[in-house]
C-alpha atoms as a PDB file:
ATOM      1  CA  MET A   1     -17.789 -35.456 -25.700  1.00  0.00           C
ATOM      2  CA  ALA A   2     -16.585 -31.890 -26.209  1.00  0.00           C
ATOM      3  CA  SER A   3     -16.143 -28.935 -23.970  1.00  0.00           C
ATOM      4  CA  ASP A   4     -19.000 -26.456 -23.938  1.00  0.00           C
ATOM      5  CA  VAL A   5     -18.402 -23.969 -26.751  1.00  0.00           C
ATOM      6  CA  ILE A   6     -21.728 -22.124 -26.679  1.00  0.00           C
ATOM      7  CA  GLY A   7     -21.258 -18.355 -26.693  1.00  0.00           C
ATOM      8  CA  ARG A   8     -17.680 -18.510 -27.924  1.00  0.00           C
ATOM      9  CA  PRO A   9     -16.425 -16.928 -31.148  1.00  0.00           C
ATOM     10  CA  TRP A  10     -16.235 -19.605 -33.851  1.00  0.00           C
ATOM     11  CA  ALA A  11     -12.443 -19.299 -34.307  1.00  0.00           C
ATOM     12  CA  GLU A  12     -11.917 -20.081 -30.616  1.00  0.00           C
ATOM     13  CA  ALA A  13     -14.570 -22.821 -30.518  1.00  0.00           C
ATOM     14  CA  GLU A  14     -13.186 -24.527 -33.634  1.00  0.00           C
ATOM     15  CA  GLN A  15      -9.721 -24.634 -32.102  1.00  0.00           C
ATOM     16  CA  LEU A  16     -11.074 -26.187 -28.876  1.00  0.00           C
ATOM     17  CA  LEU A  17     -13.057 -28.810 -30.775  1.00  0.00           C
ATOM     18  CA  ARG A  18     -10.073 -29.768 -32.936  1.00  0.00           C
ATOM     19  CA  GLN A  19      -7.786 -30.009 -29.886  1.00  0.00           C
ATOM     20  CA  ALA A  20     -10.336 -32.299 -28.212  1.00  0.00           C
ATOM     21  CA  GLY A  21     -10.476 -34.484 -31.337  1.00  0.00           C
ATOM     22  CA  THR A  22     -14.215 -33.905 -31.713  1.00  0.00           C
ATOM     23  CA  HIS A  23     -15.849 -34.693 -35.056  1.00  0.00           C
ATOM     24  CA  PHE A  24     -18.165 -31.809 -35.891  1.00  0.00           C
ATOM     25  CA  GLN A  25     -20.277 -30.212 -38.596  1.00  0.00           C
ATOM     26  CA  THR A  26     -21.413 -26.620 -38.740  1.00  0.00           C
ATOM     27  CA  GLU A  27     -24.577 -24.901 -39.852  1.00  0.00           C
ATOM     28  CA  ILE A  28     -25.197 -21.175 -40.043  1.00  0.00           C
ATOM     29  CA  SER A  29     -28.484 -19.744 -38.855  1.00  0.00           C
ATOM     30  CA  CYS A  30     -29.587 -16.542 -40.575  1.00  0.00           C
ATOM     31  CA  PRO A  31     -32.315 -14.094 -39.572  1.00  0.00           C
ATOM     32  CA  THR A  32     -35.491 -14.319 -41.637  1.00  0.00           C
ATOM     33  CA  ARG A  33     -35.631 -10.536 -41.976  1.00  0.00           C
ATOM     34  CA  ASP A  34     -32.797  -8.097 -42.638  1.00  0.00           C
ATOM     35  CA  PHE A  35     -33.952  -5.497 -40.122  1.00  0.00           C
ATOM     36  CA  PHE A  36     -30.786  -5.975 -38.068  1.00  0.00           C
ATOM     37  CA  LYS A  37     -27.603  -6.003 -40.131  1.00  0.00           C
ATOM     38  CA  THR A  38     -25.089  -8.723 -39.355  1.00  0.00           C
ATOM     39  CA  ASP A  39     -21.361  -9.188 -39.844  1.00  0.00           C
ATOM     40  CA  SER A  40     -20.946 -12.623 -41.445  1.00  0.00           C
ATOM     41  CA  SER A  41     -17.183 -12.497 -40.877  1.00  0.00           C
ATOM     42  CA  CYS A  42     -17.717 -12.633 -37.096  1.00  0.00           C
ATOM     43  CA  LEU A  43     -19.473 -15.893 -36.172  1.00  0.00           C
ATOM     44  CA  TYR A  44     -20.487 -17.138 -32.708  1.00  0.00           C
ATOM     45  CA  VAL A  45     -21.672 -20.536 -31.479  1.00  0.00           C
ATOM     46  CA  VAL A  46     -25.286 -20.549 -30.262  1.00  0.00           C
ATOM     47  CA  ARG A  47     -26.091 -24.269 -30.165  1.00  0.00           C
ATOM     48  CA  GLU A  48     -24.424 -27.648 -30.106  1.00  0.00           C
ATOM     49  CA  ARG A  49     -26.247 -30.913 -30.644  1.00  0.00           C
ATOM     50  CA  SER A  50     -25.053 -34.512 -30.871  1.00  0.00           C
ATOM     51  CA  LEU A  51     -26.102 -36.362 -34.014  1.00  0.00           C
ATOM     52  CA  ALA A  52     -26.868 -40.093 -34.153  1.00  0.00           C
ATOM     53  CA  ASP A  53     -23.432 -40.917 -35.583  1.00  0.00           C
ATOM     54  CA  GLY A  54     -21.631 -39.144 -32.716  1.00  0.00           C
ATOM     55  CA  THR A  55     -20.845 -36.001 -34.705  1.00  0.00           C
ATOM     56  CA  LEU A  56     -21.406 -32.684 -32.966  1.00  0.00           C
ATOM     57  CA  LEU A  57     -23.602 -30.260 -34.936  1.00  0.00           C
ATOM     58  CA  VAL A  58     -22.557 -26.688 -34.137  1.00  0.00           C
ATOM     59  CA  THR A  59     -24.946 -23.858 -35.009  1.00  0.00           C
ATOM     60  CA  LEU A  60     -23.348 -20.489 -35.758  1.00  0.00           C
ATOM     61  CA  VAL A  61     -24.802 -17.006 -36.077  1.00  0.00           C
ATOM     62  CA  ALA A  62     -23.253 -13.765 -37.299  1.00  0.00           C
ATOM     63  CA  LYS A  63     -22.636 -10.939 -34.896  1.00  0.00           C
ATOM     64  CA  GLN A  64     -25.046  -8.025 -35.094  1.00  0.00           C
ATOM     65  CA  LYS A  65     -23.526  -4.820 -36.505  1.00  0.00           C
ATOM     66  CA  LYS A  66     -23.780  -1.648 -34.471  1.00  0.00           C
END
């Protein structure tokens, strides 16, 4: 279906998915605790899953701040 985009920054992954003509949805996974601060402007792909209708569900997480 699509090229493997796991581990890529979302901007790069989105471009690859659009070029491949892949229908996709995104969801953002957030930590349950705020012990580690995150930068929500810097998203990365951590999971991709095919849905029943052929859409690719892409799970994004924010990069951890230093």
